[in-house]
Amino acid sequence: MSKRIYVGGLPFKTTEEEMNALFATYGQVTSAKLITDRDSGQSRGFGFVEMPNDAEAVAAMEKLNGTDFGGRKLTINEARPMEARSSGGGDRGGRGGDRGGRGGYGGGKW
């Protein structure tokens, strides 16, 4: 089973190709994904690498964690599964919550 690896502390100019090359020194890389800001397209300084061989992935994590890459200290660990996001309803105190049963702003007592 393949391992998904979190790679944090990346310089903002890092490319996916550079991430791939960094991990390829330890074994086969299935994919390298740099996370970018959806509005600006700018790198957010972290990404994910997937390696099919567990032993190679563990070796890469151990060797690369805490190392300097482009003037920044890398944080490398096994990626956790992504948590499900809420749809943002009123149950979390966001907009659209219950205001005492009255709709709108007019004619009622707050």
PDB file of N, CA and C in Angstrom:
ATOM      1  N   MET A   1       0.841  -1.192   0.000  1.00  0.00           N
ATOM      2  CA  MET A   1       0.000   0.000   0.000  1.00  0.00           C
ATOM      3  C   MET A   1       0.882   1.250   0.000  1.00  0.00           C
ATOM      4  N   SER A   2       0.493   2.244  -0.755  1.00  0.00           N
ATOM      5  CA  SER A   2       1.312   3.452  -0.859  1.00  0.00           C
ATOM      6  C   SER A   2       1.126   4.360   0.355  1.00  0.00           C
ATOM      7  N   LYS A   3       2.149   5.176   0.589  1.00  0.00           N
ATOM      8  CA  LYS A   3       2.110   6.133   1.684  1.00  0.00           C
ATOM      9  C   LYS A   3       1.981   7.538   1.124  1.00  0.00           C
ATOM     10  N   ARG A   4       1.127   8.316   1.757  1.00  0.00           N
ATOM     11  CA  ARG A   4       0.970   9.728   1.417  1.00  0.00           C
ATOM     12  C   ARG A   4       1.724  10.519   2.467  1.00  0.00           C
ATOM     13  N   ILE A   5       2.604  11.402   2.025  1.00  0.00           N
ATOM     14  CA  ILE A   5       3.513  12.117   2.917  1.00  0.00           C
ATOM     15  C   ILE A   5       3.224  13.609   2.869  1.00  0.00           C
ATOM     16  N   TYR A   6       3.083  14.218   4.045  1.00  0.00           N
ATOM     17  CA  TYR A   6       2.938  15.664   4.157  1.00  0.00           C
ATOM     18  C   TYR A   6       4.327  16.293   4.113  1.00  0.00           C
ATOM     19  N   VAL A   7       4.483  17.348   3.322  1.00  0.00           N
ATOM     20  CA  VAL A   7       5.754  18.051   3.204  1.00  0.00           C
ATOM     21  C   VAL A   7       5.484  19.527   3.498  1.00  0.00           C
ATOM     22  N   GLY A   8       5.922  19.987   4.665  1.00  0.00           N
ATOM     23  CA  GLY A   8       5.713  21.382   5.058  1.00  0.00           C
ATOM     24  C   GLY A   8       7.023  22.138   5.102  1.00  0.00           C
ATOM     25  N   GLY A   9       6.916  23.468   5.138  1.00  0.00           N
ATOM     26  CA  GLY A   9       8.100  24.314   5.204  1.00  0.00           C
ATOM     27  C   GLY A   9       8.784  24.507   3.868  1.00  0.00           C
ATOM     28  N   LEU A  10       8.064  24.282   2.793  1.00  0.00           N
ATOM     29  CA  LEU A  10       8.648  24.438   1.464  1.00  0.00           C
ATOM     30  C   LEU A  10       8.814  25.915   1.117  1.00  0.00           C
ATOM     31  N   PRO A  11       9.920  26.264   0.460  1.00  0.00           N
ATOM     32  CA  PRO A  11      10.038  27.631  -0.058  1.00  0.00           C
ATOM     33  C   PRO A  11       8.885  27.890  -1.035  1.00  0.00           C
ATOM     34  N   PHE A  12       8.390  29.107  -1.068  1.00  0.00           N
ATOM     35  CA  PHE A  12       7.217  29.417  -1.881  1.00  0.00           C
ATOM     36  C   PHE A  12       7.460  29.316  -3.382  1.00  0.00           C
ATOM     37  N   LYS A  13       8.719  29.268  -3.788  1.00  0.00           N
ATOM     38  CA  LYS A  13       9.033  29.135  -5.216  1.00  0.00           C
ATOM     39  C   LYS A  13       9.223  27.676  -5.645  1.00  0.00           C
ATOM     40  N   THR A  14       9.088  26.736  -4.728  1.00  0.00           N
ATOM     41  CA  THR A  14       9.269  25.314  -5.031  1.00  0.00           C
ATOM     42  C   THR A  14       8.234  24.843  -6.052  1.00  0.00           C
ATOM     43  N   THR A  15       8.670  23.981  -6.969  1.00  0.00           N
ATOM     44  CA  THR A  15       7.764  23.387  -7.959  1.00  0.00           C
ATOM     45  C   THR A  15       7.476  21.930  -7.598  1.00  0.00           C
ATOM     46  N   GLU A  16       6.446  21.377  -8.212  1.00  0.00           N
ATOM     47  CA  GLU A  16       6.128  19.965  -8.003  1.00  0.00           C
ATOM     48  C   GLU A  16       7.256  19.078  -8.528  1.00  0.00           C
ATOM     49  N   GLU A  17       7.918  19.517  -9.579  1.00  0.00           N
ATOM     50  CA  GLU A  17       9.036  18.754 -10.131  1.00  0.00           C
ATOM     51  C   GLU A  17      10.187  18.679  -9.124  1.00  0.00           C
ATOM     52  N   GLU A  18      10.446  19.782  -8.425  1.00  0.00           N
ATOM     53  CA  GLU A  18      11.499  19.793  -7.405  1.00  0.00           C
ATOM     54  C   GLU A  18      11.132  18.895  -6.226  1.00  0.00           C
ATOM     55  N   MET A  19       9.856  18.894  -5.841  1.00  0.00           N
ATOM     56  CA  MET A  19       9.407  17.993  -4.766  1.00  0.00           C
ATOM     57  C   MET A  19       9.612  16.540  -5.184  1.00  0.00           C
ATOM     58  N   ASN A  20       9.222  16.239  -6.409  1.00  0.00           N
ATOM     59  CA  ASN A  20       9.368  14.880  -6.934  1.00  0.00           C
ATOM     60  C   ASN A  20      10.831  14.461  -6.910  1.00  0.00           C
ATOM     61  N   ALA A  21      11.726  15.332  -7.393  1.00  0.00           N
ATOM     62  CA  ALA A  21      13.156  15.023  -7.441  1.00  0.00           C
ATOM     63  C   ALA A  21      13.732  14.824  -6.037  1.00  0.00           C
ATOM     64  N   LEU A  22      13.276  15.618  -5.079  1.00  0.00           N
ATOM     65  CA  LEU A  22      13.764  15.509  -3.705  1.00  0.00           C
ATOM     66  C   LEU A  22      13.465  14.123  -3.132  1.00  0.00           C
ATOM     67  N   PHE A  23      12.261  13.626  -3.355  1.00  0.00           N
ATOM     68  CA  PHE A  23      11.866  12.323  -2.807  1.00  0.00           C
ATOM     69  C   PHE A  23      12.332  11.163  -3.669  1.00  0.00           C
ATOM     70  N   ALA A  24      12.543  11.391  -4.952  1.00  0.00           N
ATOM     71  CA  ALA A  24      12.963  10.323  -5.861  1.00  0.00           C
ATOM     72  C   ALA A  24      14.342   9.778  -5.508  1.00  0.00           C
ATOM     73  N   THR A  25      15.129  10.536  -4.767  1.00  0.00           N
ATOM     74  CA  THR A  25      16.438  10.020  -4.342  1.00  0.00           C
ATOM     75  C   THR A  25      16.284   8.861  -3.357  1.00  0.00           C
ATOM     76  N   TYR A  26      15.098   8.694  -2.777  1.00  0.00           N
ATOM     77  CA  TYR A  26      14.850   7.622  -1.807  1.00  0.00           C
ATOM     78  C   TYR A  26      13.989   6.507  -2.369  1.00  0.00           C
ATOM     79  N   GLY A  27      13.459   6.677  -3.574  1.00  0.00           N
ATOM     80  CA  GLY A  27      12.644   5.628  -4.179  1.00  0.00           C
ATOM     81  C   GLY A  27      11.659   6.200  -5.182  1.00  0.00           C
ATOM     82  N   GLN A  28      10.758   5.338  -5.638  1.00  0.00           N
ATOM     83  CA  GLN A  28       9.778   5.728  -6.645  1.00  0.00           C
ATOM     84  C   GLN A  28       8.738   6.674  -6.060  1.00  0.00           C
ATOM     85  N   VAL A  29       8.405   7.717  -6.809  1.00  0.00           N
ATOM     86  CA  VAL A  29       7.383   8.682  -6.417  1.00  0.00           C
ATOM     87  C   VAL A  29       6.205   8.540  -7.376  1.00  0.00           C
ATOM     88  N   THR A  30       5.018   8.302  -6.820  1.00  0.00           N
ATOM     89  CA  THR A  30       3.820   8.176  -7.636  1.00  0.00           C
ATOM     90  C   THR A  30       3.298   9.548  -8.035  1.00  0.00           C
ATOM     91  N   SER A  31       3.298  10.487  -7.057  1.00  0.00           N
ATOM     92  CA  SER A  31       2.818  11.837  -7.354  1.00  0.00           C
ATOM     93  C   SER A  31       3.403  12.831  -6.362  1.00  0.00           C
ATOM     94  N   ALA A  32       3.473  14.084  -6.789  1.00  0.00           N
ATOM     95  CA  ALA A  32       3.894  15.189  -5.938  1.00  0.00           C
ATOM     96  C   ALA A  32       2.924  16.328  -6.207  1.00  0.00           C
ATOM     97  N   LYS A  33       2.247  16.799  -5.172  1.00  0.00           N
ATOM     98  CA  LYS A  33       1.226  17.840  -5.332  1.00  0.00           C
ATOM     99  C   LYS A  33       1.534  19.002  -4.410  1.00  0.00           C
ATOM    100  N   LEU A  34       1.777  20.161  -5.000  1.00  0.00           N
ATOM    101  CA  LEU A  34       2.026  21.390  -4.266  1.00  0.00           C
ATOM    102  C   LEU A  34       0.677  22.071  -4.035  1.00  0.00           C
ATOM    103  N   ILE A  35       0.405  22.495  -2.818  1.00  0.00           N
ATOM    104  CA  ILE A  35      -0.863  23.147  -2.506  1.00  0.00           C
ATOM    105  C   ILE A  35      -0.722  24.651  -2.731  1.00  0.00           C
ATOM    106  N   THR A  36      -1.653  25.195  -3.497  1.00  0.00           N
ATOM    107  CA  THR A  36      -1.616  26.615  -3.831  1.00  0.00           C
ATOM    108  C   THR A  36      -2.888  27.314  -3.368  1.00  0.00           C
ATOM    109  N   ASP A  37      -2.784  28.615  -3.197  1.00  0.00           N
ATOM    110  CA  ASP A  37      -3.935  29.437  -2.841  1.00  0.00           C
ATOM    111  C   ASP A  37      -4.893  29.454  -4.027  1.00  0.00           C
ATOM    112  N   ARG A  38      -6.156  29.207  -3.787  1.00  0.00           N
ATOM    113  CA  ARG A  38      -7.099  29.108  -4.905  1.00  0.00           C
ATOM    114  C   ARG A  38      -7.351  30.436  -5.603  1.00  0.00           C
ATOM    115  N   ASP A  39      -7.159  31.549  -4.900  1.00  0.00           N
ATOM    116  CA  ASP A  39      -7.388  32.853  -5.515  1.00  0.00           C
ATOM    117  C   ASP A  39      -6.163  33.367  -6.271  1.00  0.00           C
ATOM    118  N   SER A  40      -4.996  33.309  -5.628  1.00  0.00           N
ATOM    119  CA  SER A  40      -3.799  33.896  -6.234  1.00  0.00           C
ATOM    120  C   SER A  40      -2.950  32.886  -7.016  1.00  0.00           C
ATOM    121  N   GLY A  41      -3.113  31.592  -6.719  1.00  0.00           N
ATOM    122  CA  GLY A  41      -2.284  30.572  -7.356  1.00  0.00           C
ATOM    123  C   GLY A  41      -0.906  30.442  -6.718  1.00  0.00           C
ATOM    124  N   GLN A  42      -0.624  31.266  -5.709  1.00  0.00           N
ATOM    125  CA  GLN A  42       0.658  31.260  -4.998  1.00  0.00           C
ATOM    126  C   GLN A  42       0.776  30.003  -4.119  1.00  0.00           C
ATOM    127  N   SER A  43       1.965  29.433  -4.067  1.00  0.00           N
ATOM    128  CA  SER A  43       2.214  28.278  -3.210  1.00  0.00           C
ATOM    129  C   SER A  43       1.896  28.625  -1.761  1.00  0.00           C
ATOM    130  N   ARG A  44       1.353  27.670  -1.024  1.00  0.00           N
ATOM    131  CA  ARG A  44       1.073  27.862   0.398  1.00  0.00           C
ATOM    132  C   ARG A  44       2.194  27.304   1.271  1.00  0.00           C
ATOM    133  N   GLY A  45       3.272  26.801   0.644  1.00  0.00           N
ATOM    134  CA  GLY A  45       4.436  26.352   1.397  1.00  0.00           C
ATOM    135  C   GLY A  45       4.358  24.918   1.888  1.00  0.00           C
ATOM    136  N   PHE A  46       3.389  24.172   1.371  1.00  0.00           N
ATOM    137  CA  PHE A  46       3.326  22.748   1.730  1.00  0.00           C
ATOM    138  C   PHE A  46       2.714  21.960   0.584  1.00  0.00           C
ATOM    139  N   GLY A  47       2.862  20.649   0.677  1.00  0.00           N
ATOM    140  CA  GLY A  47       2.315  19.782  -0.349  1.00  0.00           C
ATOM    141  C   GLY A  47       2.311  18.335   0.117  1.00  0.00           C
ATOM    142  N   PHE A  48       2.040  17.440  -0.813  1.00  0.00           N
ATOM    143  CA  PHE A  48       1.951  16.019  -0.510  1.00  0.00           C
ATOM    144  C   PHE A  48       2.681  15.221  -1.580  1.00  0.00           C
ATOM    145  N   VAL A  49       3.356  14.175  -1.116  1.00  0.00           N
ATOM    146  CA  VAL A  49       4.055  13.256  -2.010  1.00  0.00           C
ATOM    147  C   VAL A  49       3.515  11.873  -1.726  1.00  0.00           C
ATOM    148  N   GLU A  50       3.312  11.097  -2.780  1.00  0.00           N
ATOM    149  CA  GLU A  50       2.860   9.720  -2.607  1.00  0.00           C
ATOM    150  C   GLU A  50       3.937   8.790  -3.134  1.00  0.00           C
ATOM    151  N   MET A  51       4.293   7.803  -2.298  1.00  0.00           N
ATOM    152  CA  MET A  51       5.304   6.814  -2.669  1.00  0.00           C
ATOM    153  C   MET A  51       4.692   5.425  -2.506  1.00  0.00           C
ATOM    154  N   PRO A  52       4.846   4.549  -3.530  1.00  0.00           N
ATOM    155  CA  PRO A  52       4.201   3.238  -3.484  1.00  0.00           C
ATOM    156  C   PRO A  52       4.850   2.237  -2.524  1.00  0.00           C
ATOM    157  N   ASN A  53       6.123   2.413  -2.218  1.00  0.00           N
ATOM    158  CA  ASN A  53       6.840   1.476  -1.361  1.00  0.00           C
ATOM    159  C   ASN A  53       6.949   2.042   0.053  1.00  0.00           C
ATOM    160  N   ASP A  54       6.345   1.354   1.022  1.00  0.00           N
ATOM    161  CA  ASP A  54       6.334   1.840   2.405  1.00  0.00           C
ATOM    162  C   ASP A  54       7.728   2.039   2.975  1.00  0.00           C
ATOM    163  N   ALA A  55       8.632   1.096   2.735  1.00  0.00           N
ATOM    164  CA  ALA A  55       9.987   1.192   3.285  1.00  0.00           C
ATOM    165  C   ALA A  55      10.717   2.404   2.728  1.00  0.00           C
ATOM    166  N   GLU A  56      10.569   2.660   1.430  1.00  0.00           N
ATOM    167  CA  GLU A  56      11.195   3.829   0.823  1.00  0.00           C
ATOM    168  C   GLU A  56      10.591   5.122   1.361  1.00  0.00           C
ATOM    169  N   ALA A  57       9.282   5.117   1.560  1.00  0.00           N
ATOM    170  CA  ALA A  57       8.601   6.304   2.093  1.00  0.00           C
ATOM    171  C   ALA A  57       9.067   6.612   3.512  1.00  0.00           C
ATOM    172  N   VAL A  58       9.176   5.598   4.340  1.00  0.00           N
ATOM    173  CA  VAL A  58       9.639   5.788   5.712  1.00  0.00           C
ATOM    174  C   VAL A  58      11.076   6.307   5.720  1.00  0.00           C
ATOM    175  N   ALA A  59      11.922   5.747   4.867  1.00  0.00           N
ATOM    176  CA  ALA A  59      13.307   6.210   4.776  1.00  0.00           C
ATOM    177  C   ALA A  59      13.364   7.673   4.356  1.00  0.00           C
ATOM    178  N   ALA A  60      12.548   8.062   3.371  1.00  0.00           N
ATOM    179  CA  ALA A  60      12.516   9.456   2.916  1.00  0.00           C
ATOM    180  C   ALA A  60      12.053  10.384   4.039  1.00  0.00           C
ATOM    181  N   MET A  61      11.015   9.979   4.772  1.00  0.00           N
ATOM    182  CA  MET A  61      10.508  10.812   5.876  1.00  0.00           C
ATOM    183  C   MET A  61      11.576  11.001   6.951  1.00  0.00           C
ATOM    184  N   GLU A  62      12.255   9.906   7.319  1.00  0.00           N
ATOM    185  CA  GLU A  62      13.283   9.977   8.369  1.00  0.00           C
ATOM    186  C   GLU A  62      14.473  10.833   7.938  1.00  0.00           C
ATOM    187  N   LYS A  63      14.896  10.686   6.696  1.00  0.00           N
ATOM    188  CA  LYS A  63      16.084  11.404   6.220  1.00  0.00           C
ATOM    189  C   LYS A  63      15.809  12.889   5.945  1.00  0.00           C
ATOM    190  N   LEU A  64      14.612  13.209   5.467  1.00  0.00           N
ATOM    191  CA  LEU A  64      14.320  14.584   5.050  1.00  0.00           C
ATOM    192  C   LEU A  64      13.727  15.468   6.142  1.00  0.00           C
ATOM    193  N   ASN A  65      13.081  14.883   7.141  1.00  0.00           N
ATOM    194  CA  ASN A  65      12.454  15.693   8.190  1.00  0.00           C
ATOM    195  C   ASN A  65      13.501  16.537   8.921  1.00  0.00           C
ATOM    196  N   GLY A  66      13.263  17.841   8.985  1.00  0.00           N
ATOM    197  CA  GLY A  66      14.168  18.747   9.678  1.00  0.00           C
ATOM    198  C   GLY A  66      15.328  19.248   8.857  1.00  0.00           C
ATOM    199  N   THR A  67      15.450  18.776   7.618  1.00  0.00           N
ATOM    200  CA  THR A  67      16.567  19.218   6.770  1.00  0.00           C
ATOM    201  C   THR A  67      16.264  20.574   6.138  1.00  0.00           C
ATOM    202  N   ASP A  68      17.322  21.243   5.705  1.00  0.00           N
ATOM    203  CA  ASP A  68      17.196  22.530   5.040  1.00  0.00           C
ATOM    204  C   ASP A  68      16.937  22.310   3.554  1.00  0.00           C
ATOM    205  N   PHE A  69      15.938  23.001   3.036  1.00  0.00           N
ATOM    206  CA  PHE A  69      15.634  22.938   1.609  1.00  0.00           C
ATOM    207  C   PHE A  69      15.321  24.362   1.154  1.00  0.00           C
ATOM    208  N   GLY A  70      16.215  24.932   0.367  1.00  0.00           N
ATOM    209  CA  GLY A  70      16.019  26.293  -0.124  1.00  0.00           C
ATOM    210  C   GLY A  70      15.975  27.340   0.967  1.00  0.00           C
ATOM    211  N   GLY A  71      16.695  27.083   2.065  1.00  0.00           N
ATOM    212  CA  GLY A  71      16.734  28.053   3.162  1.00  0.00           C
ATOM    213  C   GLY A  71      15.627  27.893   4.187  1.00  0.00           C
ATOM    214  N   ARG A  72      14.805  26.857   4.044  1.00  0.00           N
ATOM    215  CA  ARG A  72      13.726  26.608   5.012  1.00  0.00           C
ATOM    216  C   ARG A  72      13.838  25.193   5.566  1.00  0.00           C
ATOM    217  N   LYS A  73      13.402  25.012   6.799  1.00  0.00           N
ATOM    218  CA  LYS A  73      13.451  23.707   7.456  1.00  0.00           C
ATOM    219  C   LYS A  73      12.190  22.919   7.112  1.00  0.00           C
ATOM    220  N   LEU A  74      12.392  21.738   6.535  1.00  0.00           N
ATOM    221  CA  LEU A  74      11.265  20.901   6.134  1.00  0.00           C
ATOM    222  C   LEU A  74      10.638  20.172   7.316  1.00  0.00           C
ATOM    223  N   THR A  75       9.329  20.054   7.287  1.00  0.00           N
ATOM    224  CA  THR A  75       8.577  19.234   8.229  1.00  0.00           C
ATOM    225  C   THR A  75       7.943  18.123   7.408  1.00  0.00           C
ATOM    226  N   ILE A  76       8.361  16.903   7.663  1.00  0.00           N
ATOM    227  CA  ILE A  76       7.912  15.754   6.883  1.00  0.00           C
ATOM    228  C   ILE A  76       7.287  14.732   7.817  1.00  0.00           C
ATOM    229  N   ASN A  77       6.069  14.295   7.507  1.00  0.00           N
ATOM    230  CA  ASN A  77       5.451  13.202   8.254  1.00  0.00           C
ATOM    231  C   ASN A  77       4.358  12.551   7.415  1.00  0.00           C
ATOM    232  N   GLU A  78       3.864  11.433   7.912  1.00  0.00           N
ATOM    233  CA  GLU A  78       2.815  10.740   7.178  1.00  0.00           C
ATOM    234  C   GLU A  78       1.557  11.594   7.211  1.00  0.00           C
ATOM    235  N   ALA A  79       0.944  11.767   6.056  1.00  0.00           N
ATOM    236  CA  ALA A  79      -0.256  12.602   5.957  1.00  0.00           C
ATOM    237  C   ALA A  79      -1.422  11.932   6.665  1.00  0.00           C
ATOM    238  N   ARG A  80      -2.188  12.752   7.356  1.00  0.00           N
ATOM    239  CA  ARG A  80      -3.414  12.264   7.992  1.00  0.00           C
ATOM    240  C   ARG A  80      -4.541  12.341   6.977  1.00  0.00           C
ATOM    241  N   PRO A  81      -5.554  11.489   7.129  1.00  0.00           N
ATOM    242  CA  PRO A  81      -6.695  11.570   6.208  1.00  0.00           C
ATOM    243  C   PRO A  81      -7.369  12.944   6.345  1.00  0.00           C
ATOM    244  N   MET A  82      -7.857  13.461   5.222  1.00  0.00           N
ATOM    245  CA  MET A  82      -8.505  14.765   5.236  1.00  0.00           C
ATOM    246  C   MET A  82      -9.835  14.674   5.981  1.00  0.00           C
ATOM    247  N   GLU A  83     -10.074  15.633   6.875  1.00  0.00           N
ATOM    248  CA  GLU A  83     -11.322  15.655   7.620  1.00  0.00           C
ATOM    249  C   GLU A  83     -12.428  16.201   6.736  1.00  0.00           C
ATOM    250  N   ALA A  84     -13.627  15.652   6.918  1.00  0.00           N
ATOM    251  CA  ALA A  84     -14.768  16.130   6.145  1.00  0.00           C
ATOM    252  C   ALA A  84     -15.095  17.557   6.567  1.00  0.00           C
ATOM    253  N   ARG A  85     -15.367  18.388   5.592  1.00  0.00           N
ATOM    254  CA  ARG A  85     -15.708  19.779   5.891  1.00  0.00           C
ATOM    255  C   ARG A  85     -17.214  19.925   6.048  1.00  0.00           C
ATOM    256  N   SER A  86     -17.600  20.810   6.940  1.00  0.00           N
ATOM    257  CA  SER A  86     -19.009  21.109   7.141  1.00  0.00           C
ATOM    258  C   SER A  86     -19.503  21.986   5.999  1.00  0.00           C
ATOM    259  N   SER A  87     -20.786  21.920   5.728  1.00  0.00           N
ATOM    260  CA  SER A  87     -21.356  22.757   4.674  1.00  0.00           C
ATOM    261  C   SER A  87     -21.552  24.190   5.147  1.00  0.00           C
ATOM    262  N   GLY A  88     -21.261  24.479   6.417  1.00  0.00           N
ATOM    263  CA  GLY A  88     -21.325  25.848   6.913  1.00  0.00           C
ATOM    264  C   GLY A  88     -22.698  26.280   7.361  1.00  0.00           C
ATOM    265  N   GLY A  89     -23.546  25.353   7.740  1.00  0.00           N
ATOM    266  CA  GLY A  89     -24.894  25.688   8.198  1.00  0.00           C
ATOM    267  C   GLY A  89     -24.885  26.392   9.545  1.00  0.00           C
ATOM    268  N   GLY A  90     -26.060  26.694  10.057  1.00  0.00           N
ATOM    269  CA  GLY A  90     -26.205  27.422  11.312  1.00  0.00           C
ATOM    270  C   GLY A  90     -25.771  26.646  12.536  1.00  0.00           C
ATOM    271  N   ASP A  91     -25.535  25.367  12.424  1.00  0.00           N
ATOM    272  CA  ASP A  91     -25.175  24.568  13.583  1.00  0.00           C
ATOM    273  C   ASP A  91     -23.802  24.902  14.146  1.00  0.00           C
ATOM    274  N   ARG A  92     -22.984  25.641  13.399  1.00  0.00           N
ATOM    275  CA  ARG A  92     -21.652  25.993  13.880  1.00  0.00           C
ATOM    276  C   ARG A  92     -21.559  27.460  14.263  1.00  0.00           C
ATOM    277  N   GLY A  93     -22.679  28.117  14.436  1.00  0.00           N
ATOM    278  CA  GLY A  93     -22.662  29.515  14.831  1.00  0.00           C
ATOM    279  C   GLY A  93     -22.401  30.454  13.671  1.00  0.00           C
ATOM    280  N   GLY A  94     -22.506  29.966  12.458  1.00  0.00           N
ATOM    281  CA  GLY A  94     -22.282  30.808  11.292  1.00  0.00           C
ATOM    282  C   GLY A  94     -23.534  31.570  10.913  1.00  0.00           C
ATOM    283  N   ARG A  95     -23.553  32.104   9.737  1.00  0.00           N
ATOM    284  CA  ARG A  95     -24.723  32.833   9.256  1.00  0.00           C
ATOM    285  C   ARG A  95     -25.915  31.908   9.114  1.00  0.00           C
ATOM    286  N   GLY A  96     -27.083  32.486   9.212  1.00  0.00           N
ATOM    287  CA  GLY A  96     -28.297  31.706   8.995  1.00  0.00           C
ATOM    288  C   GLY A  96     -28.769  30.960  10.225  1.00  0.00           C
ATOM    289  N   GLY A  97     -28.199  31.268  11.379  1.00  0.00           N
ATOM    290  CA  GLY A  97     -28.615  30.597  12.602  1.00  0.00           C
ATOM    291  C   GLY A  97     -29.990  31.054  13.054  1.00  0.00           C
ATOM    292  N   ASP A  98     -30.550  30.390  14.021  1.00  0.00           N
ATOM    293  CA  ASP A  98     -31.875  30.706  14.545  1.00  0.00           C
ATOM    294  C   ASP A  98     -31.829  32.018  15.323  1.00  0.00           C
ATOM    295  N   ARG A  99     -32.728  32.931  14.997  1.00  0.00           N
ATOM    296  CA  ARG A  99     -32.809  34.221  15.691  1.00  0.00           C
ATOM    297  C   ARG A  99     -34.152  34.368  16.389  1.00  0.00           C
ATOM    298  N   GLY A 100     -34.608  33.335  16.971  1.00  0.00           N
ATOM    299  CA  GLY A 100     -35.848  33.429  17.733  1.00  0.00           C
ATOM    300  C   GLY A 100     -37.085  33.214  16.904  1.00  0.00           C
ATOM    301  N   GLY A 101     -36.991  32.676  15.731  1.00  0.00           N
ATOM    302  CA  GLY A 101     -38.156  32.331  14.961  1.00  0.00           C
ATOM    303  C   GLY A 101     -38.675  33.436  14.056  1.00  0.00           C
ATOM    304  N   ARG A 102     -38.076  34.588  14.041  1.00  0.00           N
ATOM    305  CA  ARG A 102     -38.551  35.668  13.171  1.00  0.00           C
ATOM    306  C   ARG A 102     -37.592  35.809  11.986  1.00  0.00           C
ATOM    307  N   GLY A 103     -38.133  35.935  10.809  1.00  0.00           N
ATOM    308  CA  GLY A 103     -37.309  36.118   9.628  1.00  0.00           C
ATOM    309  C   GLY A 103     -37.106  37.589   9.342  1.00  0.00           C
ATOM    310  N   GLY A 104     -35.978  37.936   8.827  1.00  0.00           N
ATOM    311  CA  GLY A 104     -35.717  39.317   8.414  1.00  0.00           C
ATOM    312  C   GLY A 104     -35.402  40.225   9.566  1.00  0.00           C
ATOM    313  N   TYR A 105     -35.366  41.541   9.267  1.00  0.00           N
ATOM    314  CA  TYR A 105     -34.973  42.520  10.276  1.00  0.00           C
ATOM    315  C   TYR A 105     -36.131  43.420  10.704  1.00  0.00           C
ATOM    316  N   GLY A 106     -37.209  43.399  10.026  1.00  0.00           N
ATOM    317  CA  GLY A 106     -38.250  44.383  10.314  1.00  0.00           C
ATOM    318  C   GLY A 106     -39.358  43.867  11.215  1.00  0.00           C
ATOM    319  N   GLY A 107     -39.970  44.793  11.942  1.00  0.00           N
ATOM    320  CA  GLY A 107     -41.204  44.550  12.670  1.00  0.00           C
ATOM    321  C   GLY A 107     -41.133  43.641  13.872  1.00  0.00           C
ATOM    322  N   GLY A 108     -40.022  43.230  14.311  1.00  0.00           N
ATOM    323  CA  GLY A 108     -39.990  42.305  15.436  1.00  0.00           C
ATOM    324  C   GLY A 108     -39.100  42.771  16.555  1.00  0.00           C
ATOM    325  N   LYS A 109     -39.309  42.208  17.676  1.00  0.00           N
ATOM    326  CA  LYS A 109     -38.488  42.486  18.848  1.00  0.00           C
ATOM    327  C   LYS A 109     -37.305  41.541  18.867  1.00  0.00           C
ATOM    328  N   TRP A 110     -36.092  42.051  19.094  1.00  0.00           N
ATOM    329  CA  TRP A 110     -34.898  41.194  19.132  1.00  0.00           C
ATOM    330  C   TRP A 110     -34.718  40.784  20.505  1.00  0.00           C
TER     331      TRP A 110
END
